[in-house]
Amino acid sequence: MVFVGVHGEWGRIDVTQADLGCGQERESIYKTKRPAPLTCYECDWRLHLVHKTHGAYDLWFLRHANNAPSCEARAVGEGMAHHLLKLDLAHHARAAGWSAEYEVAAPDGSWRADVMATSPDGSRRVALEAQMASISITDIEARTDRYREAGVEVCWFTDRKTAPWLDNVPSVQIARPDDGGPVQVTAGAARFEPKWCEDRTVCDWCDCEDCGTGVDGPLPCEGHGRWELAAPFLLERFVAAICMNATRSHRLRVGWDTKGKWRWITRRYFDLEEEQLQAHSRKYQIVERLLAVQQRQQKARQAAEQEHLAAIEALLQRQKALVKPVVEFVYHEVSTSPSVARDGSPEFAMGAPVYVRGKPYAVICPVASRIPALRRRLAPLVLFAASERERGRIAAQAAPGQRIEVLTVELAPTSPPAVPPQQDQGGLTVRQTVNRMLGLDRM
């Protein structure tokens, strides 16, 4: 059962058209006394014209004469469902003002279209393929690629209830109602349902601990729309939409369960998807900027912490180095041995207090920035510094006339502690030492 043959005088004929596509009448080749010179375009075997009715269809087709060899034309024409779908596709394309030919082959034989629909100006060609038989995803993708390379658009049509390739190529699923009604497109076309937060500047759906951006605080809405399958509609309407360029095949770009799948969509839905993609892009531009700021802030905090820990380490070294000279200095001054606290104390501006007969007498290396709050308490005491530079810092914050002594000692060069900090000779890390100095280890 084929639609196209070759007439000995008229050339290629299409028996689905009343004028055979060449300006001649069907009656001139139907049941004539002398058989019409009709042959198959594939195997050159003799053909004859057949007329049948099938439901609402008035069918005209060509049949190979007896003992015909197997050929591609017979293979692609097998099956009434295939035959009727090709008729419908060609009829709808012609009703939309396009020309439609059956079994159009590429010059190099790389493809053969069931129905080749061509726009009136010839600028567009669309292969309408009735794929009723089983086919692998690899094969149908390869055939689609060959059409694309030739500049031919393509849409695959199937009535199979399960066709694993539907998502992989521009295609639709069709169904022919049992009551003989018009053919419906049941899958393959999609619509985009937009959804936005009421205030697009703040996303109500985004829980930043779960969204994976790593950004603290609210972010703008990136859209929560999704693709939905279009409700069933007439095949006639779909073919007309293809011809009018009102629908195009599109690989979806949104949705965890739809992204990457081929669907037929309208321009409006493309624009709605594009709007959401742009919002998504803007959101992540903001995320990148905020992450850069957070990273800079984190690095600054880390640098400040390292600097702070290094300063504390240096302070502890100075205090430790000054213990012996301070004890000797005070002994010579008061003729009695003083006692020195093991650690600095917040009560003495983080300096190590020196006691004579149980009373505060001096402070070793107090932190200059902490002195103003304790100025009156520290005013009667002797303040010890390890260098003139440290003496200058302390003097700038101490009470006027405050006694400050400089005892120069040899200090090992300090460097920022490693992370995690290493333990010192006393078995404490720098951080533990800081906690002890602040009294945090007793909380």
Protein backbone atom coordinates (compact mmCIF):
# COMPACT_ATOMS: atom_id res chain seq x y z
CA MET A 1 0.00 0.00 0.00
CA VAL A 2 1.78 3.12 -1.29
CA PHE A 3 0.64 6.56 -2.38
CA VAL A 4 3.34 7.52 -4.87
CA GLY A 5 4.30 5.87 -8.12
CA VAL A 6 5.83 6.65 -11.49
CA HIS A 7 3.70 6.99 -14.64
CA GLY A 8 5.37 6.11 -17.90
CA GLU A 9 4.35 9.45 -19.47
CA TRP A 10 3.51 11.81 -16.61
CA GLY A 11 6.35 10.94 -14.24
CA ARG A 12 5.80 10.99 -10.49
CA ILE A 13 2.14 10.82 -9.40
CA ASP A 14 0.43 11.12 -5.99
CA VAL A 15 -2.85 9.18 -5.94
CA THR A 16 -4.09 10.91 -2.75
CA GLN A 17 -4.62 14.05 -4.83
CA ALA A 18 -7.58 14.25 -7.20
CA ASP A 19 -5.33 15.54 -10.00
CA LEU A 20 -2.58 13.01 -9.15
CA GLY A 21 -0.28 15.95 -8.48
CA CYS A 22 0.34 16.33 -12.20
CA GLY A 23 -2.95 17.70 -13.56
CA GLN A 24 -4.43 14.36 -14.61
CA GLU A 25 -7.59 12.58 -13.46
CA ARG A 26 -7.59 9.42 -11.34
CA GLU A 27 -10.18 7.82 -13.70
CA SER A 28 -7.60 7.85 -16.47
CA ILE A 29 -5.59 5.17 -14.64
CA TYR A 30 -8.31 3.41 -12.61
CA LYS A 31 -9.60 0.08 -13.92
CA THR A 32 -8.77 0.90 -17.51
CA LYS A 33 -8.94 -1.83 -20.15
CA ARG A 34 -5.33 -1.35 -20.88
CA PRO A 35 -3.30 -1.27 -17.63
CA ALA A 36 -1.85 2.16 -16.90
CA PRO A 37 1.96 2.30 -17.15
CA LEU A 38 2.51 2.64 -13.38
CA THR A 39 5.65 1.37 -11.65
CA CYS A 40 7.17 1.55 -8.19
CA TYR A 41 9.76 4.28 -7.68
CA GLU A 42 11.89 1.81 -5.68
CA CYS A 43 11.70 -1.59 -7.42
CA ASP A 44 10.18 -0.67 -10.83
CA TRP A 45 7.50 -3.35 -10.32
CA ARG A 46 4.10 -2.77 -11.89
CA LEU A 47 1.49 -0.99 -9.72
CA HIS A 48 -2.29 -0.64 -10.00
CA LEU A 49 -4.65 1.90 -8.42
CA VAL A 50 -6.98 0.74 -5.62
CA HIS A 51 -10.02 2.53 -4.20
CA LYS A 52 -11.50 1.66 -0.77
CA THR A 53 -13.46 3.24 2.02
CA HIS A 54 -12.30 2.92 5.61
CA GLY A 55 -14.60 4.55 8.11
CA ALA A 56 -14.80 8.20 7.13
CA TYR A 57 -11.80 7.85 4.80
CA ASP A 58 -12.10 7.60 1.02
CA LEU A 59 -8.84 5.83 0.25
CA TRP A 60 -6.91 5.80 -2.98
CA PHE A 61 -3.59 3.97 -2.98
CA LEU A 62 -1.28 1.92 -5.17
CA ARG A 63 -0.66 -1.77 -4.74
CA HIS A 64 2.18 -3.86 -6.15
CA ALA A 65 1.21 -6.49 -8.68
CA ASN A 66 1.58 -10.14 -7.75
CA ASN A 67 5.01 -11.61 -7.04
CA ALA A 68 6.56 -8.20 -6.41
CA PRO A 69 9.99 -8.22 -4.74
CA SER A 70 10.52 -6.74 -1.25
CA CYS A 71 11.35 -3.07 -1.46
CA GLU A 72 11.56 0.01 0.74
CA ALA A 73 8.37 1.50 -0.69
CA ARG A 74 6.30 -1.51 0.38
CA ALA A 75 7.97 -1.58 3.80
CA VAL A 76 7.22 2.04 4.68
CA GLY A 77 3.69 1.73 3.38
CA GLU A 78 2.69 -1.23 5.54
CA GLY A 79 -0.18 -0.93 7.99
CA MET A 80 -3.51 0.85 7.77
CA ALA A 81 -2.71 3.08 10.79
CA HIS A 82 0.49 4.23 9.12
CA HIS A 83 -1.33 4.78 5.86
CA LEU A 84 -4.12 6.84 7.45
CA LEU A 85 -1.75 8.96 9.52
CA LYS A 86 0.28 9.91 6.45
CA LEU A 87 -2.97 10.86 4.73
CA ASP A 88 -3.95 13.05 7.67
CA LEU A 89 -0.55 14.74 7.87
CA ALA A 90 -0.48 15.58 4.19
CA HIS A 91 -4.12 16.72 4.20
CA HIS A 92 -3.61 19.05 7.19
CA ALA A 93 -0.42 20.55 5.73
CA ARG A 94 -2.21 21.26 2.44
CA ALA A 95 -5.18 22.74 4.31
CA ALA A 96 -2.70 25.16 5.93
CA GLY A 97 -1.62 26.36 2.50
CA TRP A 98 1.54 24.27 2.17
CA SER A 99 2.41 21.66 -0.41
CA ALA A 100 2.87 18.09 0.82
CA GLU A 101 4.53 15.16 -0.96
CA TYR A 102 4.87 11.53 0.06
CA GLU A 103 8.09 9.55 0.25
CA VAL A 104 10.46 12.40 -0.58
CA ALA A 105 14.07 11.20 -0.51
CA ALA A 106 17.34 13.08 -0.06
CA PRO A 107 19.48 13.31 -3.20
CA ASP A 108 22.10 11.13 -1.53
CA GLY A 109 19.53 8.72 -0.08
CA SER A 110 20.42 9.59 3.54
CA TRP A 111 16.76 10.13 4.48
CA ARG A 112 13.27 9.63 3.11
CA ALA A 113 10.33 11.61 4.54
CA ASP A 114 6.91 10.03 4.91
CA VAL A 115 5.42 13.45 4.17
CA MET A 116 7.51 16.45 3.17
CA ALA A 117 5.61 19.67 3.81
CA THR A 118 6.98 22.76 2.07
CA SER A 119 6.01 26.38 2.66
CA PRO A 120 4.58 28.38 -0.29
CA ASP A 121 7.78 30.38 -0.67
CA GLY A 122 9.98 27.31 -0.29
CA SER A 123 11.87 28.75 2.68
CA ARG A 124 10.85 25.98 5.08
CA ARG A 125 10.62 22.23 4.74
CA VAL A 126 9.23 20.03 7.49
CA ALA A 127 9.42 16.24 7.44
CA LEU A 128 6.28 14.79 9.01
CA GLU A 129 7.24 11.26 10.00
CA ALA A 130 4.68 8.59 10.93
CA GLN A 131 6.66 6.29 13.22
CA MET A 132 4.30 3.48 14.16
CA ALA A 133 6.91 0.73 14.41
CA SER A 134 9.42 0.28 17.20
CA ILE A 135 12.72 2.15 16.78
CA SER A 136 15.72 2.66 19.04
CA ILE A 137 16.58 6.05 20.53
CA THR A 138 19.97 5.94 18.81
CA ASP A 139 18.44 5.34 15.37
CA ILE A 140 15.76 8.01 15.63
CA GLU A 141 18.28 10.55 16.93
CA ALA A 142 20.58 9.76 14.02
CA ARG A 143 17.74 10.16 11.51
CA THR A 144 16.75 13.46 13.15
CA ASP A 145 20.36 14.67 12.90
CA ARG A 146 20.45 13.86 9.19
CA TYR A 147 17.35 15.99 8.62
CA ARG A 148 18.85 18.82 10.64
CA GLU A 149 22.09 18.68 8.64
CA ALA A 150 20.03 18.98 5.45
CA GLY A 151 18.20 22.06 6.80
CA VAL A 152 14.92 20.16 7.14
CA GLU A 153 12.76 20.47 10.24
CA VAL A 154 11.18 17.27 11.48
CA CYS A 155 8.39 16.05 13.71
CA TRP A 156 7.89 12.40 14.57
CA PHE A 157 4.35 11.12 15.14
CA THR A 158 3.45 7.87 16.86
CA ASP A 159 0.36 6.17 18.22
CA ARG A 160 2.41 3.81 20.40
CA LYS A 161 1.43 4.02 24.05
CA THR A 162 5.05 3.71 25.10
CA ALA A 163 7.74 5.27 22.95
CA PRO A 164 10.98 5.82 24.90
CA TRP A 165 12.31 8.24 22.29
CA LEU A 166 9.49 10.81 22.67
CA ASP A 167 11.63 13.00 24.95
CA ASN A 168 14.72 12.70 22.77
CA VAL A 169 13.57 14.13 19.44
CA PRO A 170 10.93 16.64 18.28
CA SER A 171 7.87 14.41 18.42
CA VAL A 172 4.27 13.99 19.54
CA GLN A 173 2.05 11.10 20.52
CA ILE A 174 -1.31 10.85 18.79
CA ALA A 175 -4.50 8.91 19.41
CA ARG A 176 -7.34 8.03 17.06
CA PRO A 177 -10.66 8.04 18.99
CA ASP A 178 -12.65 4.80 18.91
CA ASP A 179 -15.75 6.71 17.77
CA GLY A 180 -14.04 7.71 14.54
CA GLY A 181 -13.53 11.31 15.59
CA PRO A 182 -10.55 13.40 14.48
CA VAL A 183 -7.03 12.44 15.55
CA GLN A 184 -5.78 14.06 18.77
CA VAL A 185 -2.28 15.06 19.90
CA THR A 186 -2.02 13.56 23.40
CA ALA A 187 1.61 14.15 24.37
CA GLY A 188 4.66 16.04 23.18
CA ALA A 189 3.30 19.59 23.39
CA ALA A 190 3.85 21.59 26.58
CA ARG A 191 2.87 24.81 28.29
CA PHE A 192 4.85 26.77 30.88
CA GLU A 193 3.03 27.64 34.09
CA PRO A 194 4.81 30.64 35.68
CA LYS A 195 4.88 31.10 39.45
CA TRP A 196 6.55 33.94 41.36
CA CYS A 197 6.76 35.07 44.95
CA GLU A 198 4.48 38.04 45.61
CA ASP A 199 7.51 40.20 46.35
CA ARG A 200 10.07 39.18 43.77
CA THR A 201 12.88 40.90 45.68
CA VAL A 202 12.62 38.32 48.48
CA CYS A 203 12.08 34.62 47.81
CA ASP A 204 9.58 33.13 50.24
CA TRP A 205 10.46 29.61 49.10
CA CYS A 206 14.21 29.87 49.63
CA ASP A 207 15.63 28.45 52.86
CA CYS A 208 19.22 29.50 52.43
CA GLU A 209 20.49 26.73 54.69
CA ASP A 210 19.01 24.21 52.25
CA CYS A 211 19.29 25.91 48.86
CA GLY A 212 23.02 25.31 48.65
CA THR A 213 24.08 28.88 47.79
CA GLY A 214 26.03 29.35 51.01
CA VAL A 215 24.78 32.94 51.24
CA ASP A 216 23.34 34.29 54.45
CA GLY A 217 20.18 36.36 54.24
CA PRO A 218 17.28 36.62 51.77
CA LEU A 219 17.68 36.36 48.01
CA PRO A 220 15.40 37.51 45.14
CA CYS A 221 12.84 35.13 43.67
CA GLU A 222 14.22 33.14 40.74
CA GLY A 223 10.79 31.88 39.72
CA HIS A 224 9.08 28.62 40.57
CA GLY A 225 7.31 27.97 37.26
CA ARG A 226 7.31 24.55 35.62
CA TRP A 227 6.49 22.83 32.36
CA GLU A 228 3.21 20.95 32.09
CA LEU A 229 1.91 18.72 29.32
CA ALA A 230 -0.65 20.45 27.11
CA ALA A 231 -4.18 19.06 27.17
CA PRO A 232 -5.06 16.88 24.14
CA PHE A 233 -5.96 18.86 21.02
CA LEU A 234 -6.62 18.24 17.32
CA LEU A 235 -3.82 16.98 15.09
CA GLU A 236 -5.14 19.35 12.42
CA ARG A 237 -4.53 22.30 14.75
CA PHE A 238 -1.02 21.09 15.55
CA VAL A 239 0.06 20.65 11.92
CA ALA A 240 -1.39 24.07 11.08
CA ALA A 241 0.58 25.59 13.99
CA ILE A 242 3.81 24.06 12.64
CA CYS A 243 3.11 25.50 9.19
CA MET A 244 2.29 28.94 10.61
CA ASN A 245 5.45 28.80 12.75
CA ALA A 246 3.20 29.25 15.79
CA THR A 247 4.84 26.27 17.52
CA ARG A 248 8.44 25.13 17.43
CA SER A 249 10.33 22.19 18.84
CA HIS A 250 12.32 23.21 21.89
CA ARG A 251 14.63 21.49 24.37
CA LEU A 252 13.29 22.49 27.77
CA ARG A 253 15.66 24.37 30.06
CA VAL A 254 13.71 24.44 33.34
CA GLY A 255 12.59 21.72 35.75
CA TRP A 256 14.45 18.87 37.43
CA ASP A 257 12.12 16.38 35.71
CA THR A 258 11.71 18.14 32.36
CA LYS A 259 15.04 19.84 31.64
CA GLY A 260 16.62 18.57 28.42
CA LYS A 261 13.44 17.01 27.03
CA TRP A 262 12.08 17.96 23.59
CA ARG A 263 8.64 19.55 23.52
CA TRP A 264 6.58 21.57 21.06
CA ILE A 265 5.86 25.00 22.53
CA THR A 266 4.63 28.46 21.51
CA ARG A 267 6.61 31.69 21.64
CA ARG A 268 4.69 32.86 24.70
CA TYR A 269 5.82 29.87 26.73
CA PHE A 270 9.39 30.28 25.50
CA ASP A 271 9.35 33.88 26.75
CA LEU A 272 7.95 32.84 30.14
CA GLU A 273 10.69 30.22 30.50
CA GLU A 274 13.29 32.77 29.40
CA GLU A 275 12.05 35.25 32.03
CA GLN A 276 12.56 32.64 34.75
CA LEU A 277 16.00 31.71 33.41
CA GLN A 278 17.03 35.37 33.45
CA ALA A 279 15.77 35.70 37.03
CA HIS A 280 17.75 32.58 37.95
CA SER A 281 20.85 34.06 36.31
CA ARG A 282 20.41 37.39 38.12
CA LYS A 283 19.95 35.61 41.44
CA TYR A 284 23.19 33.70 41.05
CA GLN A 285 25.04 36.82 39.95
CA ILE A 286 23.93 38.29 43.28
CA VAL A 287 24.94 35.07 45.02
CA GLU A 288 28.41 35.24 43.43
CA ARG A 289 28.84 38.86 44.52
CA LEU A 290 27.63 38.11 48.06
CA LEU A 291 29.86 35.05 48.29
CA ALA A 292 32.83 37.15 47.16
CA VAL A 293 32.01 39.69 49.88
CA GLN A 294 31.59 36.93 52.46
CA GLN A 295 34.88 35.38 51.43
CA ARG A 296 36.66 38.71 51.72
CA GLN A 297 35.08 39.27 55.12
CA GLN A 298 36.01 35.76 56.21
CA LYS A 299 39.60 36.28 55.06
CA ALA A 300 39.69 39.61 56.86
CA ARG A 301 38.36 37.98 60.03
CA GLN A 302 40.88 35.17 59.73
CA ALA A 303 43.69 37.67 59.14
CA ALA A 304 42.51 39.75 62.10
CA GLU A 305 42.28 36.64 64.26
CA GLN A 306 45.73 35.54 63.20
CA GLU A 307 47.06 39.02 63.92
CA HIS A 308 45.28 39.04 67.28
CA LEU A 309 46.63 35.60 68.20
CA ALA A 310 50.11 36.66 67.10
CA ALA A 311 49.85 39.77 69.25
CA ILE A 312 48.77 37.67 72.26
CA GLU A 313 51.61 35.23 71.61
CA ALA A 314 54.06 38.12 71.51
CA LEU A 315 52.54 39.57 74.71
CA LEU A 316 52.90 36.23 76.50
CA GLN A 317 56.52 35.98 75.38
CA ARG A 318 57.29 39.50 76.60
CA GLN A 319 55.63 38.87 79.94
CA LYS A 320 57.45 35.56 80.36
CA ALA A 321 60.80 37.11 79.38
CA LEU A 322 60.33 40.02 81.83
CA VAL A 323 59.45 37.92 84.90
CA LYS A 324 63.06 37.41 86.06
CA PRO A 325 64.31 40.99 85.40
CA VAL A 326 61.17 42.45 86.99
CA VAL A 327 61.61 40.30 90.13
CA GLU A 328 65.24 41.46 90.41
CA PHE A 329 64.24 45.09 89.75
CA VAL A 330 61.54 45.09 92.44
CA TYR A 331 63.71 43.18 94.93
CA HIS A 332 66.43 45.80 94.68
CA GLU A 333 63.78 48.50 95.08
CA VAL A 334 61.82 47.14 98.07
CA SER A 335 64.32 44.66 99.51
CA THR A 336 61.85 41.81 99.51
CA SER A 337 61.07 39.11 96.97
CA PRO A 338 57.91 39.85 94.96
CA SER A 339 55.53 37.25 93.54
CA VAL A 340 54.34 37.30 89.91
CA ALA A 341 51.01 35.89 88.74
CA ARG A 342 51.25 33.03 86.30
CA ASP A 343 48.98 34.70 83.70
CA GLY A 344 47.82 38.15 82.76
CA SER A 345 44.52 39.32 84.25
CA PRO A 346 41.64 41.44 82.90
CA GLU A 347 41.79 43.37 86.23
CA PHE A 348 45.27 44.57 85.29
CA ALA A 349 44.66 45.30 81.57
CA MET A 350 45.77 41.75 80.68
CA GLY A 351 49.18 42.45 82.23
CA ALA A 352 50.82 40.04 84.70
CA PRO A 353 50.41 41.54 88.20
CA VAL A 354 53.42 41.69 90.59
CA TYR A 355 52.66 41.46 94.32
CA VAL A 356 54.76 42.69 97.25
CA ARG A 357 53.66 41.44 100.67
CA GLY A 358 50.36 40.38 99.09
CA LYS A 359 49.51 43.75 97.58
CA PRO A 360 49.72 44.81 93.91
CA TYR A 361 52.95 46.66 93.25
CA ALA A 362 53.52 46.52 89.52
CA VAL A 363 52.13 45.17 86.21
CA ILE A 364 54.21 43.50 83.50
CA CYS A 365 53.29 44.54 79.93
CA PRO A 366 49.65 45.66 80.26
CA VAL A 367 47.69 45.96 77.01
CA ALA A 368 47.61 49.68 76.17
CA SER A 369 44.09 49.65 74.72
CA ARG A 370 42.71 48.25 78.01
CA ILE A 371 44.39 50.80 80.29
CA PRO A 372 41.88 53.72 79.96
CA ALA A 373 39.07 51.73 81.61
CA LEU A 374 41.43 50.86 84.53
CA ARG A 375 43.46 54.07 84.68
CA ARG A 376 42.65 54.94 88.32
CA ARG A 377 43.31 51.39 89.51
CA LEU A 378 46.64 51.23 87.70
CA ALA A 379 47.85 54.75 88.49
CA PRO A 380 49.63 53.81 91.79
CA LEU A 381 51.39 50.84 90.22
CA VAL A 382 54.65 50.56 88.33
CA LEU A 383 54.09 49.51 84.70
CA PHE A 384 56.85 47.51 83.00
CA ALA A 385 57.45 47.49 79.23
CA ALA A 386 59.84 45.44 77.10
CA SER A 387 60.76 48.25 74.69
CA GLU A 388 60.57 51.98 74.21
CA ARG A 389 57.92 51.45 71.58
CA GLU A 390 55.73 49.54 74.02
CA ARG A 391 56.43 52.19 76.66
CA GLY A 392 55.13 54.84 74.24
CA ARG A 393 51.89 52.94 73.65
CA ILE A 394 51.32 52.46 77.37
CA ALA A 395 52.20 56.06 78.25
CA ALA A 396 49.66 57.36 75.71
CA GLN A 397 46.86 55.62 77.64
CA ALA A 398 48.12 55.72 81.23
CA ALA A 399 47.48 58.40 83.86
CA PRO A 400 49.63 61.54 83.63
CA GLY A 401 52.94 60.99 85.35
CA GLN A 402 52.41 57.24 85.54
CA ARG A 403 55.67 55.46 86.35
CA ILE A 404 56.70 53.26 83.45
CA GLU A 405 59.95 51.27 83.43
CA VAL A 406 61.55 49.76 80.35
CA LEU A 407 63.51 46.55 80.82
CA THR A 408 65.03 45.52 77.52
CA VAL A 409 65.29 41.78 77.00
CA GLU A 410 66.14 39.45 74.13
CA LEU A 411 62.92 38.11 72.50
CA ALA A 412 62.64 35.28 70.00
CA PRO A 413 60.96 36.35 66.72
CA THR A 414 57.26 35.56 66.72
CA SER A 415 55.09 34.32 63.87
CA PRO A 416 51.34 33.80 63.58
CA PRO A 417 50.33 30.48 65.15
CA ALA A 418 49.42 27.66 62.83
CA VAL A 419 45.80 26.58 62.50
CA PRO A 420 45.03 24.58 64.53
CA PRO A 421 47.37 26.35 67.03
CA GLN A 422 50.26 24.33 68.42
CA GLN A 423 50.70 23.85 72.15
CA ASP A 424 53.30 25.92 73.98
CA GLN A 425 55.72 24.67 76.60
CA GLY A 426 53.11 24.93 79.33
CA GLY A 427 50.84 22.44 77.52
CA LEU A 428 48.23 25.10 76.54
CA THR A 429 47.35 26.35 73.11
CA VAL A 430 47.32 30.08 72.46
CA ARG A 431 43.54 30.04 72.34
CA GLN A 432 43.38 28.20 75.68
CA THR A 433 45.72 30.75 77.11
CA VAL A 434 43.52 33.59 75.87
CA ASN A 435 40.46 31.90 77.39
CA ARG A 436 42.28 31.54 80.71
CA MET A 437 43.40 35.17 80.64
CA LEU A 438 39.81 36.25 80.00
CA GLY A 439 38.45 33.91 82.61
CA LEU A 440 36.42 32.03 79.99
CA ASP A 441 37.80 28.65 81.08
CA ARG A 442 36.06 29.07 84.42
CA MET A 443 32.61 29.76 82.93
